[in-house]
Amino acid sequence: MPLSQTSACAPAAPRDPGWQGIVIDAPPLVRTKPGQAAVVSVCGLAVMPIVVPTPPEMRLVAVDSTTGQRYAGPVPAPAPQDNEIPNPMQRPSRQPHEVSGMTGQVRFDLDLMAVLRLPQRNADYRVHVERGALSSNVVQVRVRIAG
């Protein structure tokens, strides 16, 4: 369900070259009409330690500010670019000592409503992304259905 692999709205990486973490951005207000699906684009940048053999899952989280209900789901893996040539070779497995101190970077642009299957109704959400012990900044998103 990624809207795109990279996006102009994706936050810039902090200036510190050693920074690791997750930063996200989203519109503070999304308006739609009854019968039209609200689309809330959550853009992000993650610079995280490489973990093998099983990295923790990156998860998108929205908490309804009124009810306290928590919605969470996995951040989908980026889709291959149209011009990307698939690599027929299987990636070699790595040992933890081979990747110690290494980081990976990913940008994402997701539809909050679709990824978490949020109800199409007026709501205020506190949104963040988490992966293991890392957690992004929290953004406030207000969804309003006019009518």
N, C-alpha and C. Protein backbone atom coordinates (compact mmCIF):
# COMPACT_ATOMS: atom_id res chain seq x y z
N MET A 1 0.78 -1.19 0.00
CA MET A 1 0.00 0.00 0.00
C MET A 1 0.83 1.27 0.00
N PRO A 2 2.12 1.18 -0.23
CA PRO A 2 2.89 2.42 -0.29
C PRO A 2 2.38 3.30 -1.43
N LEU A 3 2.26 4.60 -1.17
CA LEU A 3 1.85 5.52 -2.22
C LEU A 3 2.99 5.69 -3.21
N SER A 4 4.20 5.72 -2.72
CA SER A 4 5.39 5.80 -3.56
C SER A 4 6.59 5.46 -2.69
N GLN A 5 7.70 5.16 -3.34
CA GLN A 5 8.88 4.83 -2.56
C GLN A 5 9.53 6.06 -1.95
N THR A 6 9.55 7.13 -2.67
CA THR A 6 10.09 8.37 -2.14
C THR A 6 9.07 9.46 -2.38
N SER A 7 9.14 10.50 -1.58
CA SER A 7 8.15 11.55 -1.69
C SER A 7 8.77 12.87 -1.31
N ALA A 8 8.26 13.93 -1.93
CA ALA A 8 8.75 15.27 -1.60
C ALA A 8 8.41 15.63 -0.16
N CYS A 9 7.39 14.99 0.42
CA CYS A 9 7.01 15.34 1.79
C CYS A 9 7.84 14.60 2.83
N ALA A 10 8.65 13.66 2.42
CA ALA A 10 9.45 12.91 3.39
C ALA A 10 10.41 13.85 4.10
N PRO A 11 10.47 13.77 5.42
CA PRO A 11 11.36 14.65 6.17
C PRO A 11 12.82 14.46 5.77
N ALA A 12 13.57 15.53 5.88
CA ALA A 12 15.01 15.47 5.60
C ALA A 12 15.71 14.79 6.77
N ALA A 13 16.83 14.16 6.45
CA ALA A 13 17.63 13.54 7.50
C ALA A 13 18.25 14.63 8.37
N PRO A 14 18.32 14.42 9.67
CA PRO A 14 19.01 15.39 10.52
C PRO A 14 20.46 15.57 10.05
N ARG A 15 21.02 16.73 10.36
CA ARG A 15 22.36 17.06 9.87
C ARG A 15 23.48 16.22 10.49
N ASP A 16 23.23 15.64 11.63
CA ASP A 16 24.24 14.83 12.31
C ASP A 16 24.46 13.55 11.50
N PRO A 17 25.68 13.33 10.95
CA PRO A 17 25.90 12.14 10.12
C PRO A 17 25.78 10.83 10.90
N GLY A 18 25.87 10.88 12.21
CA GLY A 18 25.76 9.67 13.02
C GLY A 18 24.35 9.42 13.53
N TRP A 19 23.40 10.29 13.11
CA TRP A 19 22.03 10.15 13.61
C TRP A 19 21.40 8.84 13.17
N GLN A 20 20.67 8.24 14.09
CA GLN A 20 19.86 7.07 13.79
C GLN A 20 18.49 7.31 14.39
N GLY A 21 17.46 6.92 13.67
CA GLY A 21 16.11 7.09 14.18
C GLY A 21 15.10 7.10 13.08
N ILE A 22 13.89 7.54 13.42
CA ILE A 22 12.78 7.59 12.48
C ILE A 22 12.12 8.96 12.63
N VAL A 23 11.92 9.66 11.52
CA VAL A 23 11.18 10.92 11.53
C VAL A 23 10.03 10.80 10.52
N ILE A 24 8.87 11.33 10.91
CA ILE A 24 7.71 11.27 10.03
C ILE A 24 7.06 12.65 9.92
N ASP A 25 6.22 12.78 8.90
CA ASP A 25 5.43 13.98 8.70
C ASP A 25 4.08 13.55 8.11
N ALA A 26 3.05 14.33 8.40
CA ALA A 26 1.71 14.07 7.87
C ALA A 26 0.94 15.38 7.91
N PRO A 27 -0.08 15.51 7.08
CA PRO A 27 -0.87 16.74 7.13
C PRO A 27 -1.63 16.82 8.46
N PRO A 28 -1.72 18.01 9.06
CA PRO A 28 -2.44 18.12 10.32
C PRO A 28 -3.96 17.99 10.17
N LEU A 29 -4.46 18.26 8.95
CA LEU A 29 -5.90 18.18 8.71
C LEU A 29 -6.16 17.60 7.33
N VAL A 30 -7.03 16.59 7.28
CA VAL A 30 -7.46 16.00 6.01
C VAL A 30 -8.98 16.08 5.97
N ARG A 31 -9.49 16.72 4.92
CA ARG A 31 -10.94 16.85 4.73
C ARG A 31 -11.37 16.02 3.52
N THR A 32 -12.53 15.41 3.64
CA THR A 32 -13.11 14.69 2.52
C THR A 32 -14.63 14.80 2.60
N LYS A 33 -15.30 14.33 1.57
CA LYS A 33 -16.76 14.38 1.51
C LYS A 33 -17.32 13.01 1.86
N PRO A 34 -18.56 12.96 2.32
CA PRO A 34 -19.18 11.66 2.59
C PRO A 34 -19.12 10.78 1.34
N GLY A 35 -18.80 9.52 1.53
CA GLY A 35 -18.71 8.59 0.42
C GLY A 35 -17.35 8.56 -0.26
N GLN A 36 -16.48 9.53 0.03
CA GLN A 36 -15.12 9.53 -0.52
C GLN A 36 -14.15 9.08 0.58
N ALA A 37 -13.25 8.22 0.22
CA ALA A 37 -12.27 7.73 1.19
C ALA A 37 -11.26 8.82 1.52
N ALA A 38 -11.04 9.02 2.80
CA ALA A 38 -9.99 9.94 3.23
C ALA A 38 -8.63 9.27 2.99
N VAL A 39 -7.68 10.03 2.50
CA VAL A 39 -6.32 9.55 2.29
C VAL A 39 -5.40 10.43 3.13
N VAL A 40 -4.69 9.80 4.06
CA VAL A 40 -3.77 10.53 4.94
C VAL A 40 -2.36 10.02 4.66
N SER A 41 -1.58 10.84 3.99
CA SER A 41 -0.22 10.45 3.63
C SER A 41 0.72 10.66 4.82
N VAL A 42 1.34 9.58 5.25
CA VAL A 42 2.37 9.64 6.30
C VAL A 42 3.69 9.36 5.62
N CYS A 43 4.57 10.36 5.64
CA CYS A 43 5.86 10.24 4.98
C CYS A 43 6.93 10.09 6.05
N GLY A 44 7.95 9.34 5.74
CA GLY A 44 8.97 9.15 6.75
C GLY A 44 10.33 8.81 6.20
N LEU A 45 11.30 8.95 7.09
CA LEU A 45 12.68 8.56 6.84
C LEU A 45 13.15 7.78 8.05
N ALA A 46 13.73 6.63 7.81
CA ALA A 46 14.27 5.82 8.89
C ALA A 46 15.72 5.49 8.58
N VAL A 47 16.59 5.77 9.53
CA VAL A 47 18.00 5.36 9.47
C VAL A 47 18.19 4.49 10.71
N MET A 48 18.36 3.19 10.46
CA MET A 48 18.33 2.24 11.56
C MET A 48 19.48 1.25 11.49
N PRO A 49 19.87 0.71 12.64
CA PRO A 49 20.89 -0.33 12.63
C PRO A 49 20.41 -1.55 11.84
N ILE A 50 21.33 -2.14 11.10
CA ILE A 50 21.01 -3.39 10.39
C ILE A 50 21.05 -4.51 11.42
N VAL A 51 19.98 -5.30 11.45
CA VAL A 51 19.87 -6.39 12.41
C VAL A 51 19.67 -7.68 11.62
N VAL A 52 20.51 -8.68 11.90
CA VAL A 52 20.37 -9.99 11.28
C VAL A 52 20.36 -11.06 12.37
N PRO A 53 19.76 -12.18 12.14
CA PRO A 53 19.10 -12.61 10.91
C PRO A 53 17.66 -12.10 10.81
N THR A 54 17.03 -11.70 11.91
CA THR A 54 15.62 -11.31 11.88
C THR A 54 15.46 -9.90 12.44
N PRO A 55 15.38 -8.90 11.57
CA PRO A 55 15.21 -7.53 12.07
C PRO A 55 13.81 -7.32 12.63
N PRO A 56 13.69 -6.45 13.63
CA PRO A 56 12.34 -6.16 14.13
C PRO A 56 11.51 -5.47 13.05
N GLU A 57 10.23 -5.70 13.10
CA GLU A 57 9.30 -5.12 12.12
C GLU A 57 9.09 -3.64 12.41
N MET A 58 9.02 -2.84 11.35
CA MET A 58 8.68 -1.43 11.51
C MET A 58 7.15 -1.35 11.47
N ARG A 59 6.56 -0.65 12.47
CA ARG A 59 5.11 -0.61 12.60
C ARG A 59 4.59 0.82 12.62
N LEU A 60 3.48 1.02 11.92
CA LEU A 60 2.76 2.29 11.90
C LEU A 60 1.71 2.23 13.00
N VAL A 61 1.63 3.29 13.82
CA VAL A 61 0.71 3.30 14.96
C VAL A 61 -0.10 4.58 14.94
N ALA A 62 -1.41 4.45 15.16
CA ALA A 62 -2.30 5.60 15.31
C ALA A 62 -3.15 5.37 16.55
N VAL A 63 -3.21 6.38 17.41
CA VAL A 63 -4.03 6.30 18.61
C VAL A 63 -5.13 7.36 18.50
N ASP A 64 -6.38 6.92 18.59
CA ASP A 64 -7.51 7.84 18.54
C ASP A 64 -7.46 8.69 19.81
N SER A 65 -7.34 10.00 19.64
CA SER A 65 -7.19 10.91 20.78
C SER A 65 -8.42 10.96 21.66
N THR A 66 -9.59 10.64 21.11
CA THR A 66 -10.83 10.70 21.89
C THR A 66 -11.07 9.40 22.65
N THR A 67 -10.94 8.27 21.96
CA THR A 67 -11.29 6.98 22.58
C THR A 67 -10.08 6.27 23.20
N GLY A 68 -8.88 6.63 22.75
CA GLY A 68 -7.68 5.94 23.23
C GLY A 68 -7.41 4.64 22.49
N GLN A 69 -8.28 4.29 21.53
CA GLN A 69 -8.07 3.04 20.79
C GLN A 69 -6.78 3.13 19.97
N ARG A 70 -5.99 2.06 20.04
CA ARG A 70 -4.69 1.99 19.35
C ARG A 70 -4.83 1.09 18.14
N TYR A 71 -4.41 1.61 16.99
CA TYR A 71 -4.39 0.84 15.74
C TYR A 71 -2.92 0.70 15.35
N ALA A 72 -2.51 -0.49 14.96
CA ALA A 72 -1.11 -0.69 14.55
C ALA A 72 -1.04 -1.74 13.46
N GLY A 73 -0.05 -1.57 12.60
CA GLY A 73 0.16 -2.53 11.53
C GLY A 73 1.54 -2.36 10.94
N PRO A 74 2.02 -3.36 10.24
CA PRO A 74 3.36 -3.29 9.67
C PRO A 74 3.47 -2.24 8.56
N VAL A 75 4.61 -1.58 8.52
CA VAL A 75 4.92 -0.68 7.41
C VAL A 75 5.26 -1.59 6.23
N PRO A 76 4.50 -1.50 5.13
CA PRO A 76 4.77 -2.38 3.98
C PRO A 76 6.17 -2.13 3.41
N ALA A 77 6.78 -3.18 2.92
CA ALA A 77 8.10 -3.06 2.28
C ALA A 77 7.95 -2.21 1.02
N PRO A 78 8.97 -1.40 0.70
CA PRO A 78 8.88 -0.59 -0.52
C PRO A 78 8.69 -1.46 -1.76
N ALA A 79 7.83 -1.00 -2.64
CA ALA A 79 7.61 -1.71 -3.91
C ALA A 79 8.78 -1.41 -4.84
N PRO A 80 9.16 -2.37 -5.70
CA PRO A 80 10.24 -2.08 -6.64
C PRO A 80 9.85 -0.97 -7.61
N GLN A 81 10.83 -0.19 -8.01
CA GLN A 81 10.61 0.88 -9.00
C GLN A 81 10.30 0.22 -10.34
N ASP A 82 9.57 0.94 -11.20
CA ASP A 82 9.22 0.41 -12.52
C ASP A 82 10.45 0.07 -13.35
N ASN A 83 11.50 0.88 -13.22
CA ASN A 83 12.71 0.66 -14.02
C ASN A 83 13.75 -0.20 -13.31
N GLU A 84 13.39 -0.75 -12.15
CA GLU A 84 14.32 -1.57 -11.39
C GLU A 84 14.39 -2.98 -11.96
N ILE A 85 15.59 -3.46 -12.16
CA ILE A 85 15.79 -4.81 -12.69
C ILE A 85 15.93 -5.75 -11.50
N PRO A 86 15.07 -6.78 -11.42
CA PRO A 86 15.17 -7.71 -10.29
C PRO A 86 16.50 -8.45 -10.29
N ASN A 87 17.05 -8.64 -9.11
CA ASN A 87 18.30 -9.37 -8.97
C ASN A 87 17.98 -10.86 -8.84
N PRO A 88 18.42 -11.68 -9.80
CA PRO A 88 18.10 -13.12 -9.73
C PRO A 88 18.92 -13.86 -8.68
N MET A 89 19.97 -13.22 -8.17
CA MET A 89 20.82 -13.87 -7.17
C MET A 89 20.22 -13.69 -5.78
N GLN A 90 20.24 -14.75 -5.01
CA GLN A 90 19.75 -14.66 -3.64
C GLN A 90 20.78 -13.91 -2.80
N ARG A 91 20.31 -13.01 -1.93
CA ARG A 91 21.25 -12.28 -1.08
C ARG A 91 21.92 -13.25 -0.12
N PRO A 92 23.23 -13.09 0.07
CA PRO A 92 23.90 -13.97 1.02
C PRO A 92 23.44 -13.65 2.44
N SER A 93 23.34 -14.68 3.27
CA SER A 93 22.97 -14.43 4.66
C SER A 93 24.18 -13.83 5.37
N ARG A 94 23.92 -12.97 6.30
CA ARG A 94 24.97 -12.28 7.05
C ARG A 94 24.93 -12.71 8.51
N GLN A 95 26.07 -12.62 9.13
CA GLN A 95 26.19 -12.88 10.55
C GLN A 95 26.19 -11.54 11.29
N PRO A 96 25.73 -11.51 12.53
CA PRO A 96 25.69 -10.24 13.27
C PRO A 96 27.02 -9.49 13.30
N HIS A 97 28.13 -10.19 13.42
CA HIS A 97 29.43 -9.50 13.48
C HIS A 97 29.78 -8.84 12.14
N GLU A 98 29.20 -9.32 11.04
CA GLU A 98 29.48 -8.74 9.73
C GLU A 98 28.76 -7.40 9.50
N VAL A 99 27.69 -7.16 10.23
CA VAL A 99 26.93 -5.92 10.04
C VAL A 99 26.97 -5.02 11.27
N SER A 100 27.75 -5.39 12.24
CA SER A 100 27.85 -4.58 13.46
C SER A 100 28.24 -3.14 13.13
N GLY A 101 27.45 -2.20 13.61
CA GLY A 101 27.72 -0.78 13.38
C GLY A 101 27.20 -0.24 12.06
N MET A 102 26.63 -1.09 11.23
CA MET A 102 26.10 -0.64 9.93
C MET A 102 24.65 -0.19 10.08
N THR A 103 24.26 0.78 9.25
CA THR A 103 22.88 1.24 9.24
C THR A 103 22.31 1.13 7.82
N GLY A 104 21.00 1.10 7.77
CA GLY A 104 20.29 1.13 6.50
C GLY A 104 19.32 2.30 6.52
N GLN A 105 18.97 2.79 5.36
CA GLN A 105 18.06 3.93 5.26
C GLN A 105 16.90 3.57 4.36
N VAL A 106 15.70 3.98 4.76
CA VAL A 106 14.51 3.77 3.94
C VAL A 106 13.61 5.00 4.07
N ARG A 107 13.02 5.39 2.95
CA ARG A 107 12.00 6.44 2.92
C ARG A 107 10.69 5.75 2.59
N PHE A 108 9.62 6.28 3.16
CA PHE A 108 8.30 5.69 2.88
C PHE A 108 7.24 6.77 2.83
N ASP A 109 6.17 6.47 2.14
CA ASP A 109 5.00 7.34 2.00
C ASP A 109 3.80 6.41 1.98
N LEU A 110 3.04 6.41 3.06
CA LEU A 110 1.96 5.45 3.25
C LEU A 110 0.63 6.16 3.43
N ASP A 111 -0.45 5.49 3.08
CA ASP A 111 -1.79 5.98 3.37
C ASP A 111 -2.20 5.40 4.73
N LEU A 112 -2.21 6.26 5.75
CA LEU A 112 -2.54 5.84 7.11
C LEU A 112 -3.88 5.13 7.17
N MET A 113 -4.88 5.69 6.50
CA MET A 113 -6.23 5.12 6.55
C MET A 113 -6.27 3.71 5.97
N ALA A 114 -5.58 3.50 4.84
CA ALA A 114 -5.61 2.19 4.18
C ALA A 114 -4.74 1.17 4.90
N VAL A 115 -3.53 1.57 5.30
CA VAL A 115 -2.62 0.61 5.95
C VAL A 115 -3.23 0.08 7.25
N LEU A 116 -3.83 0.98 8.04
CA LEU A 116 -4.38 0.55 9.33
C LEU A 116 -5.87 0.25 9.27
N ARG A 117 -6.47 0.38 8.08
CA ARG A 117 -7.91 0.13 7.90
C ARG A 117 -8.72 0.92 8.93
N LEU A 118 -8.41 2.22 9.02
CA LEU A 118 -9.10 3.07 9.98
C LEU A 118 -10.51 3.37 9.49
N PRO A 119 -11.45 3.54 10.41
CA PRO A 119 -12.82 3.86 10.00
C PRO A 119 -12.88 5.23 9.33
N GLN A 120 -13.72 5.33 8.32
CA GLN A 120 -13.91 6.59 7.59
C GLN A 120 -14.90 7.44 8.38
N ARG A 121 -14.39 8.14 9.38
CA ARG A 121 -15.22 9.00 10.23
C ARG A 121 -14.36 10.12 10.78
N ASN A 122 -15.02 11.12 11.37
CA ASN A 122 -14.27 12.20 12.01
C ASN A 122 -13.46 11.62 13.16
N ALA A 123 -12.19 11.97 13.21
CA ALA A 123 -11.34 11.47 14.29
C ALA A 123 -10.06 12.31 14.35
N ASP A 124 -9.45 12.29 15.53
CA ASP A 124 -8.14 12.91 15.75
C ASP A 124 -7.20 11.79 16.18
N TYR A 125 -6.05 11.71 15.51
CA TYR A 125 -5.10 10.63 15.79
C TYR A 125 -3.73 11.19 16.17
N ARG A 126 -3.06 10.48 17.06
CA ARG A 126 -1.63 10.69 17.34
C ARG A 126 -0.92 9.56 16.62
N VAL A 127 -0.04 9.90 15.70
CA VAL A 127 0.56 8.91 14.80
C VAL A 127 2.07 8.86 15.00
N HIS A 128 2.62 7.66 15.02
CA HIS A 128 4.07 7.49 15.04
C HIS A 128 4.43 6.16 14.40
N VAL A 129 5.73 5.95 14.19
CA VAL A 129 6.26 4.70 13.65
C VAL A 129 7.26 4.17 14.65
N GLU A 130 7.25 2.85 14.85
CA GLU A 130 8.20 2.25 15.79
C GLU A 130 8.86 1.02 15.18
N ARG A 131 10.07 0.77 15.64
CA ARG A 131 10.81 -0.43 15.23
C ARG A 131 11.70 -0.81 16.40
N GLY A 132 11.37 -1.91 17.04
CA GLY A 132 12.12 -2.30 18.22
C GLY A 132 12.08 -1.19 19.25
N ALA A 133 13.24 -0.75 19.74
CA ALA A 133 13.31 0.31 20.74
C ALA A 133 13.22 1.71 20.13
N LEU A 134 13.29 1.82 18.81
CA LEU A 134 13.22 3.13 18.15
C LEU A 134 11.77 3.54 17.97
N SER A 135 11.50 4.83 18.20
CA SER A 135 10.17 5.37 17.96
C SER A 135 10.34 6.75 17.33
N SER A 136 9.49 7.05 16.35
CA SER A 136 9.56 8.33 15.67
C SER A 136 8.95 9.44 16.52
N ASN A 137 9.01 10.63 15.99
CA ASN A 137 8.24 11.74 16.53
C ASN A 137 6.76 11.41 16.38
N VAL A 138 5.92 12.10 17.13
CA VAL A 138 4.48 11.91 17.05
C VAL A 138 3.89 13.10 16.29
N VAL A 139 3.02 12.81 15.31
CA VAL A 139 2.31 13.86 14.59
C VAL A 139 0.82 13.74 14.88
N GLN A 140 0.15 14.88 14.92
CA GLN A 140 -1.29 14.93 15.15
C GLN A 140 -1.98 15.02 13.79
N VAL A 141 -2.98 14.18 13.56
CA VAL A 141 -3.73 14.20 12.31
C VAL A 141 -5.22 14.27 12.66
N ARG A 142 -5.90 15.21 12.04
CA ARG A 142 -7.35 15.37 12.21
C ARG A 142 -8.01 15.01 10.89
N VAL A 143 -8.96 14.05 10.94
CA VAL A 143 -9.72 13.65 9.76
C VAL A 143 -11.14 14.19 9.92
N ARG A 144 -11.59 14.91 8.89
CA ARG A 144 -12.92 15.50 8.93
C ARG A 144 -13.69 15.13 7.66
N ILE A 145 -14.87 14.55 7.86
CA ILE A 145 -15.77 14.20 6.77
C ILE A 145 -16.83 15.32 6.74
N ALA A 146 -16.81 16.13 5.69
CA ALA A 146 -17.76 17.24 5.58
C ALA A 146 -19.13 16.71 5.21
N GLY A 147 -20.14 17.35 5.72
CA GLY A 147 -21.48 16.92 5.31
C GLY A 147 -22.37 16.90 6.44
